[in-house]
Every structure is written in structure tokens, then in C-alpha cells.
Amino acid sequence: MAGIGPKSNINRIHCKSLRAIQDRVIVHGMDFGSNTLASGIIVMDDSTKSQGIKPRWAQVYSIGPNAKTELKEGQYVLVAHGRWTRGVNIQDEEGEKTIRCVDLSDCMLVSDEPQHNMATGHHDDGR
């Protein structure tokens, strides 16, 4: 019997592509949890503590047709802390990812390149 959890097929949507509706902004690639530095030091996720509350970078997956924005799919946005929905696991033509909905008004900065993750100290591309 298949388990239920973030990696199970029960909680994953298989699709060729998904599009946001209305004025929604869908992102992916948010970094959560602990990270291990090259030196072997484990940096714990402390986002539930007041000193650990930080915005996070995410990559724009899709933008709804009614969103009045200069954002483009593929760009990176800095999202105000906690201003995202729970993740939905999908598997599309590019592979597995977790998408989340964010409000356009909570996107604070935009970049065309992966950025230093303020929550973990790593670049979102693994550097």
C-alpha cells in the first residue's frame, strides 16, 4: 500500500503544464528546512522562531492573465515571510516540484538570476 506524504503519488499532480488563473502568481523552488554547508555544519531551519522570520526567494512558475505586473515566468521573486500557500507537489515535463500561490503585493523584489536565500544562506541554484 502506498504511503501518504509529500513524496507519495496521492499528493502529486501529474500534468504536462499548469497555468495560473485570474490574478494569481504561482511560484516554485522555495527553500525550507535545514542545510548542510560544505564544511559539514548543519544550519537548522528556524523560521518558526521570531529571529528566524525571513522572506524567501522563489521562481515564478506561472502568472494569471489578469495580473497587472511586470513579472515574467522564470524570474525570481523575494516573497514576504509566510505570505505563501501550502505547497502542492506536481510532476510536469520538467520533473517534480512543489508549487505555491503568492499574492502579487507580497512580492518585494525581482531578479532574472537565482539569488542568495536569506533563510539559509545558500543560493537557490545550490551554490
N, C-alpha and C. Protein backbone atom coordinates (compact mmCIF):
# COMPACT_ATOMS: atom_id res chain seq x y z
N MET A 1 0.85 -1.18 0.00
CA MET A 1 0.00 0.00 0.00
C MET A 1 0.89 1.24 0.00
N ALA A 2 0.59 2.17 -0.86
CA ALA A 2 1.39 3.39 -0.97
C ALA A 2 1.19 4.27 0.25
N GLY A 3 2.28 4.89 0.69
CA GLY A 3 2.20 5.79 1.84
C GLY A 3 1.60 7.13 1.46
N ILE A 4 1.17 7.85 2.46
CA ILE A 4 0.64 9.19 2.24
C ILE A 4 1.65 10.17 2.79
N GLY A 5 2.07 11.13 2.00
CA GLY A 5 3.05 12.11 2.42
C GLY A 5 3.51 12.92 1.24
N PRO A 6 4.47 13.83 1.48
CA PRO A 6 4.89 14.74 0.42
C PRO A 6 5.47 14.05 -0.80
N LYS A 7 6.04 12.86 -0.65
CA LYS A 7 6.64 12.16 -1.79
C LYS A 7 5.74 11.09 -2.39
N SER A 8 4.54 10.90 -1.84
CA SER A 8 3.64 9.86 -2.36
C SER A 8 2.90 10.37 -3.60
N ASN A 9 2.45 9.43 -4.42
CA ASN A 9 1.70 9.79 -5.63
C ASN A 9 0.32 10.34 -5.30
N ILE A 10 -0.20 10.04 -4.10
CA ILE A 10 -1.52 10.55 -3.72
C ILE A 10 -1.52 12.08 -3.69
N ASN A 11 -0.41 12.67 -3.27
CA ASN A 11 -0.34 14.12 -3.12
C ASN A 11 0.36 14.81 -4.29
N ARG A 12 0.48 14.14 -5.42
CA ARG A 12 1.19 14.71 -6.56
C ARG A 12 0.26 14.80 -7.76
N ILE A 13 0.29 15.91 -8.43
CA ILE A 13 -0.48 16.11 -9.66
C ILE A 13 0.47 15.86 -10.83
N HIS A 14 0.08 14.97 -11.73
CA HIS A 14 0.86 14.71 -12.94
C HIS A 14 0.22 15.51 -14.07
N CYS A 15 1.03 16.30 -14.76
CA CYS A 15 0.49 17.15 -15.81
C CYS A 15 1.57 17.50 -16.81
N LYS A 16 1.16 17.93 -17.99
CA LYS A 16 2.12 18.45 -18.97
C LYS A 16 2.44 19.89 -18.63
N SER A 17 1.43 20.66 -18.25
CA SER A 17 1.65 22.05 -17.85
C SER A 17 0.44 22.54 -17.06
N LEU A 18 0.68 23.51 -16.23
CA LEU A 18 -0.39 24.16 -15.46
C LEU A 18 -0.27 25.66 -15.69
N ARG A 19 -1.40 26.35 -15.63
CA ARG A 19 -1.41 27.81 -15.78
C ARG A 19 -2.18 28.41 -14.61
N ALA A 20 -1.68 29.53 -14.12
CA ALA A 20 -2.39 30.26 -13.07
C ALA A 20 -3.64 30.89 -13.67
N ILE A 21 -4.66 31.10 -12.83
CA ILE A 21 -5.88 31.76 -13.28
C ILE A 21 -5.99 33.13 -12.62
N GLN A 22 -6.86 33.95 -13.17
CA GLN A 22 -7.17 35.28 -12.66
C GLN A 22 -5.89 36.09 -12.44
N ASP A 23 -5.69 36.59 -11.22
CA ASP A 23 -4.51 37.42 -10.95
C ASP A 23 -3.50 36.69 -10.07
N ARG A 24 -3.53 35.36 -10.09
CA ARG A 24 -2.66 34.56 -9.23
C ARG A 24 -1.22 34.52 -9.75
N VAL A 25 -0.28 34.39 -8.81
CA VAL A 25 1.12 34.17 -9.14
C VAL A 25 1.51 32.86 -8.48
N ILE A 26 1.99 31.92 -9.28
CA ILE A 26 2.39 30.61 -8.79
C ILE A 26 3.91 30.54 -8.86
N VAL A 27 4.54 30.10 -7.76
CA VAL A 27 5.99 30.02 -7.68
C VAL A 27 6.41 28.60 -7.31
N HIS A 28 7.71 28.33 -7.48
CA HIS A 28 8.27 27.06 -7.03
C HIS A 28 9.72 27.30 -6.62
N GLY A 29 10.31 26.30 -6.01
CA GLY A 29 11.73 26.39 -5.66
C GLY A 29 12.02 27.10 -4.35
N MET A 30 11.02 27.28 -3.48
CA MET A 30 11.29 27.87 -2.17
C MET A 30 12.10 26.87 -1.35
N ASP A 31 13.08 27.36 -0.63
CA ASP A 31 13.96 26.51 0.16
C ASP A 31 13.51 26.50 1.61
N PHE A 32 13.16 25.31 2.12
CA PHE A 32 12.75 25.14 3.51
C PHE A 32 13.62 24.07 4.15
N GLY A 33 13.71 24.11 5.43
CA GLY A 33 14.42 23.06 6.16
C GLY A 33 15.87 23.39 6.37
N SER A 34 16.57 22.44 6.97
CA SER A 34 17.98 22.63 7.30
C SER A 34 18.84 22.39 6.07
N ASN A 35 20.03 22.95 6.10
CA ASN A 35 21.00 22.77 5.04
C ASN A 35 22.34 22.40 5.64
N THR A 36 23.12 21.62 4.91
CA THR A 36 24.46 21.27 5.36
C THR A 36 25.46 22.04 4.51
N LEU A 37 26.31 22.82 5.17
CA LEU A 37 27.33 23.60 4.48
C LEU A 37 28.43 22.67 3.99
N ALA A 38 29.28 23.16 3.07
CA ALA A 38 30.38 22.36 2.55
C ALA A 38 31.29 21.87 3.68
N SER A 39 31.39 22.64 4.75
CA SER A 39 32.24 22.27 5.89
C SER A 39 31.60 21.20 6.77
N GLY A 40 30.34 20.83 6.50
CA GLY A 40 29.65 19.82 7.28
C GLY A 40 28.77 20.38 8.38
N ILE A 41 28.78 21.70 8.56
CA ILE A 41 27.94 22.33 9.57
C ILE A 41 26.49 22.32 9.10
N ILE A 42 25.59 21.89 9.98
CA ILE A 42 24.17 21.86 9.66
C ILE A 42 23.53 23.15 10.14
N VAL A 43 22.92 23.88 9.22
CA VAL A 43 22.20 25.11 9.56
C VAL A 43 20.73 24.74 9.65
N MET A 44 20.18 24.78 10.86
CA MET A 44 18.80 24.39 11.10
C MET A 44 17.84 25.47 10.62
N ASP A 45 16.67 25.03 10.20
CA ASP A 45 15.61 25.97 9.84
C ASP A 45 15.00 26.50 11.12
N ASP A 46 15.03 27.81 11.28
CA ASP A 46 14.45 28.41 12.49
C ASP A 46 13.35 29.39 12.12
N SER A 47 12.65 29.11 11.03
CA SER A 47 11.64 30.04 10.54
C SER A 47 10.43 30.14 11.46
N THR A 48 10.31 29.23 12.43
CA THR A 48 9.18 29.32 13.34
C THR A 48 9.51 30.17 14.56
N LYS A 49 10.76 30.61 14.68
CA LYS A 49 11.16 31.46 15.79
C LYS A 49 11.23 32.90 15.30
N SER A 50 11.01 33.83 16.18
CA SER A 50 10.94 35.24 15.76
C SER A 50 12.24 35.71 15.12
N GLN A 51 13.40 35.22 15.58
CA GLN A 51 14.65 35.68 15.00
C GLN A 51 14.91 35.04 13.63
N GLY A 52 14.15 34.00 13.27
CA GLY A 52 14.36 33.32 12.01
C GLY A 52 13.39 33.71 10.93
N ILE A 53 12.51 34.64 11.22
CA ILE A 53 11.50 35.01 10.23
C ILE A 53 12.15 35.85 9.14
N LYS A 54 12.19 35.29 7.94
CA LYS A 54 12.85 35.96 6.82
C LYS A 54 12.04 35.71 5.54
N PRO A 55 12.10 36.63 4.62
CA PRO A 55 11.47 36.39 3.31
C PRO A 55 12.25 35.30 2.57
N ARG A 56 11.63 34.73 1.55
CA ARG A 56 12.27 33.67 0.77
C ARG A 56 12.17 33.96 -0.72
N TRP A 57 13.19 33.53 -1.45
CA TRP A 57 13.19 33.63 -2.90
C TRP A 57 12.47 32.43 -3.49
N ALA A 58 11.78 32.67 -4.59
CA ALA A 58 11.12 31.59 -5.33
C ALA A 58 11.14 31.95 -6.81
N GLN A 59 11.03 30.94 -7.65
CA GLN A 59 10.99 31.17 -9.09
C GLN A 59 9.54 31.19 -9.55
N VAL A 60 9.22 32.15 -10.40
CA VAL A 60 7.86 32.29 -10.92
C VAL A 60 7.59 31.14 -11.89
N TYR A 61 6.55 30.38 -11.59
CA TYR A 61 6.15 29.25 -12.43
C TYR A 61 5.09 29.68 -13.44
N SER A 62 4.10 30.45 -12.98
CA SER A 62 3.01 30.88 -13.86
C SER A 62 2.37 32.14 -13.30
N ILE A 63 1.87 32.97 -14.19
CA ILE A 63 1.20 34.22 -13.81
C ILE A 63 -0.16 34.24 -14.49
N GLY A 64 -1.20 34.53 -13.71
CA GLY A 64 -2.55 34.58 -14.26
C GLY A 64 -2.73 35.70 -15.27
N PRO A 65 -3.67 35.57 -16.19
CA PRO A 65 -3.86 36.55 -17.25
C PRO A 65 -4.34 37.91 -16.77
N ASN A 66 -4.93 37.99 -15.57
CA ASN A 66 -5.42 39.27 -15.05
C ASN A 66 -4.45 39.97 -14.11
N ALA A 67 -3.26 39.39 -13.91
CA ALA A 67 -2.28 40.00 -13.01
C ALA A 67 -1.65 41.20 -13.70
N LYS A 68 -1.76 42.33 -13.06
CA LYS A 68 -1.16 43.56 -13.60
C LYS A 68 0.26 43.66 -13.02
N THR A 69 1.22 43.11 -13.76
CA THR A 69 2.59 43.03 -13.26
C THR A 69 3.59 43.01 -14.40
N GLU A 70 4.82 43.35 -14.05
CA GLU A 70 5.92 43.26 -15.00
C GLU A 70 6.65 41.92 -14.84
N LEU A 71 6.25 41.11 -13.87
CA LEU A 71 6.89 39.82 -13.66
C LEU A 71 6.73 38.92 -14.88
N LYS A 72 7.73 38.06 -15.07
CA LYS A 72 7.68 37.08 -16.16
C LYS A 72 7.98 35.71 -15.59
N GLU A 73 7.43 34.70 -16.22
CA GLU A 73 7.72 33.33 -15.81
C GLU A 73 9.21 33.10 -15.91
N GLY A 74 9.76 32.40 -14.91
CA GLY A 74 11.18 32.11 -14.89
C GLY A 74 11.99 33.08 -14.05
N GLN A 75 11.44 34.26 -13.76
CA GLN A 75 12.15 35.21 -12.91
C GLN A 75 12.07 34.75 -11.45
N TYR A 76 12.88 35.36 -10.61
CA TYR A 76 12.91 35.04 -9.19
C TYR A 76 12.34 36.22 -8.42
N VAL A 77 11.48 35.91 -7.44
CA VAL A 77 10.88 36.96 -6.62
C VAL A 77 11.18 36.70 -5.15
N LEU A 78 11.38 37.78 -4.40
CA LEU A 78 11.54 37.69 -2.96
C LEU A 78 10.17 37.90 -2.35
N VAL A 79 9.68 36.88 -1.66
CA VAL A 79 8.32 36.88 -1.12
C VAL A 79 8.38 37.14 0.39
N ALA A 80 7.54 38.05 0.86
CA ALA A 80 7.47 38.36 2.29
C ALA A 80 7.23 37.09 3.08
N HIS A 81 7.85 36.99 4.26
CA HIS A 81 7.79 35.75 5.05
C HIS A 81 6.35 35.32 5.34
N GLY A 82 6.11 34.05 5.09
CA GLY A 82 4.82 33.46 5.41
C GLY A 82 3.69 33.83 4.48
N ARG A 83 3.98 34.55 3.42
CA ARG A 83 2.94 35.03 2.52
C ARG A 83 2.80 34.11 1.31
N TRP A 84 2.73 32.81 1.58
CA TRP A 84 2.55 31.82 0.52
C TRP A 84 1.64 30.71 1.03
N THR A 85 1.05 30.00 0.10
CA THR A 85 0.16 28.90 0.48
C THR A 85 0.98 27.64 0.77
N ARG A 86 0.31 26.65 1.29
CA ARG A 86 0.95 25.34 1.43
C ARG A 86 1.30 24.84 0.04
N GLY A 87 2.31 24.02 -0.05
CA GLY A 87 2.76 23.53 -1.34
C GLY A 87 1.89 22.42 -1.90
N VAL A 88 1.84 22.37 -3.22
CA VAL A 88 1.20 21.28 -3.95
C VAL A 88 2.29 20.65 -4.80
N ASN A 89 2.49 19.35 -4.64
CA ASN A 89 3.52 18.64 -5.39
C ASN A 89 2.98 18.32 -6.78
N ILE A 90 3.78 18.67 -7.79
CA ILE A 90 3.41 18.37 -9.16
C ILE A 90 4.57 17.67 -9.86
N GLN A 91 4.25 16.99 -10.92
CA GLN A 91 5.26 16.45 -11.81
C GLN A 91 4.84 16.86 -13.20
N ASP A 92 5.65 17.74 -13.80
CA ASP A 92 5.36 18.20 -15.15
C ASP A 92 6.48 17.72 -16.08
N GLU A 93 6.54 18.28 -17.26
CA GLU A 93 7.55 17.85 -18.24
C GLU A 93 8.97 18.13 -17.76
N GLU A 94 9.14 19.09 -16.82
CA GLU A 94 10.47 19.43 -16.31
C GLU A 94 10.86 18.58 -15.10
N GLY A 95 9.93 17.82 -14.53
CA GLY A 95 10.22 16.99 -13.36
C GLY A 95 9.34 17.35 -12.18
N GLU A 96 9.76 16.90 -10.99
CA GLU A 96 8.98 17.13 -9.78
C GLU A 96 9.29 18.50 -9.18
N LYS A 97 8.27 19.14 -8.64
CA LYS A 97 8.45 20.41 -7.94
C LYS A 97 7.26 20.66 -7.04
N THR A 98 7.43 21.58 -6.12
CA THR A 98 6.35 21.99 -5.24
C THR A 98 5.98 23.41 -5.60
N ILE A 99 4.72 23.62 -5.97
CA ILE A 99 4.27 24.97 -6.33
C ILE A 99 3.46 25.56 -5.18
N ARG A 100 3.47 26.89 -5.12
CA ARG A 100 2.73 27.63 -4.09
C ARG A 100 2.16 28.89 -4.73
N CYS A 101 1.06 29.36 -4.19
CA CYS A 101 0.46 30.60 -4.66
C CYS A 101 0.92 31.74 -3.74
N VAL A 102 1.31 32.86 -4.33
CA VAL A 102 1.67 34.05 -3.57
C VAL A 102 0.86 35.23 -4.09
N ASP A 103 0.60 36.19 -3.21
CA ASP A 103 -0.07 37.41 -3.64
C ASP A 103 0.95 38.33 -4.29
N LEU A 104 0.57 38.92 -5.38
CA LEU A 104 1.45 39.83 -6.09
C LEU A 104 1.96 40.95 -5.18
N SER A 105 1.10 41.43 -4.27
CA SER A 105 1.50 42.51 -3.37
C SER A 105 2.57 42.07 -2.36
N ASP A 106 2.79 40.76 -2.20
CA ASP A 106 3.80 40.25 -1.27
C ASP A 106 5.12 39.94 -1.96
N CYS A 107 5.22 40.18 -3.26
CA CYS A 107 6.47 40.02 -3.99
C CYS A 107 7.23 41.34 -3.85
N MET A 108 8.36 41.28 -3.14
CA MET A 108 9.07 42.51 -2.78
C MET A 108 10.16 42.90 -3.78
N LEU A 109 10.86 41.94 -4.35
CA LEU A 109 11.95 42.19 -5.30
C LEU A 109 11.87 41.17 -6.42
N VAL A 110 12.49 41.48 -7.53
CA VAL A 110 12.53 40.55 -8.66
C VAL A 110 13.95 40.51 -9.21
N SER A 111 14.34 39.34 -9.73
CA SER A 111 15.65 39.16 -10.33
C SER A 111 15.52 38.18 -11.49
N ASP A 112 16.39 38.33 -12.47
CA ASP A 112 16.43 37.39 -13.58
C ASP A 112 17.32 36.19 -13.27
N GLU A 113 18.07 36.24 -12.16
CA GLU A 113 19.00 35.19 -11.79
C GLU A 113 18.68 34.64 -10.41
N PRO A 114 19.06 33.38 -10.12
CA PRO A 114 18.86 32.84 -8.77
C PRO A 114 19.57 33.73 -7.76
N GLN A 115 18.97 33.88 -6.59
CA GLN A 115 19.51 34.78 -5.58
C GLN A 115 19.86 34.06 -4.29
N HIS A 116 20.67 34.71 -3.49
CA HIS A 116 21.08 34.23 -2.17
C HIS A 116 19.83 34.06 -1.33
N ASN A 117 19.63 32.88 -0.77
CA ASN A 117 18.45 32.62 0.04
C ASN A 117 18.65 33.18 1.43
N MET A 118 17.85 34.17 1.81
CA MET A 118 18.01 34.84 3.08
C MET A 118 17.72 33.92 4.26
N ALA A 119 16.97 32.87 4.05
CA ALA A 119 16.61 31.97 5.15
C ALA A 119 17.73 30.98 5.46
N THR A 120 18.52 30.60 4.45
CA THR A 120 19.51 29.55 4.68
C THR A 120 20.94 29.97 4.40
N GLY A 121 21.13 31.08 3.70
CA GLY A 121 22.48 31.49 3.36
C GLY A 121 23.02 30.87 2.09
N HIS A 122 22.20 30.09 1.39
CA HIS A 122 22.63 29.46 0.14
C HIS A 122 21.98 30.14 -1.05
N HIS A 123 22.61 29.98 -2.21
CA HIS A 123 21.97 30.39 -3.46
C HIS A 123 20.92 29.36 -3.80
N ASP A 124 19.85 29.77 -4.44
CA ASP A 124 18.79 28.83 -4.77
C ASP A 124 19.20 27.84 -5.85
N ASP A 125 20.32 28.08 -6.52
CA ASP A 125 20.80 27.12 -7.52
C ASP A 125 21.80 26.14 -6.92
N GLY A 126 21.90 26.10 -5.57
CA GLY A 126 22.76 25.13 -4.91
C GLY A 126 24.13 25.66 -4.52
N ARG A 127 24.48 26.87 -4.92
CA ARG A 127 25.81 27.41 -4.56
C ARG A 127 25.84 27.85 -3.13
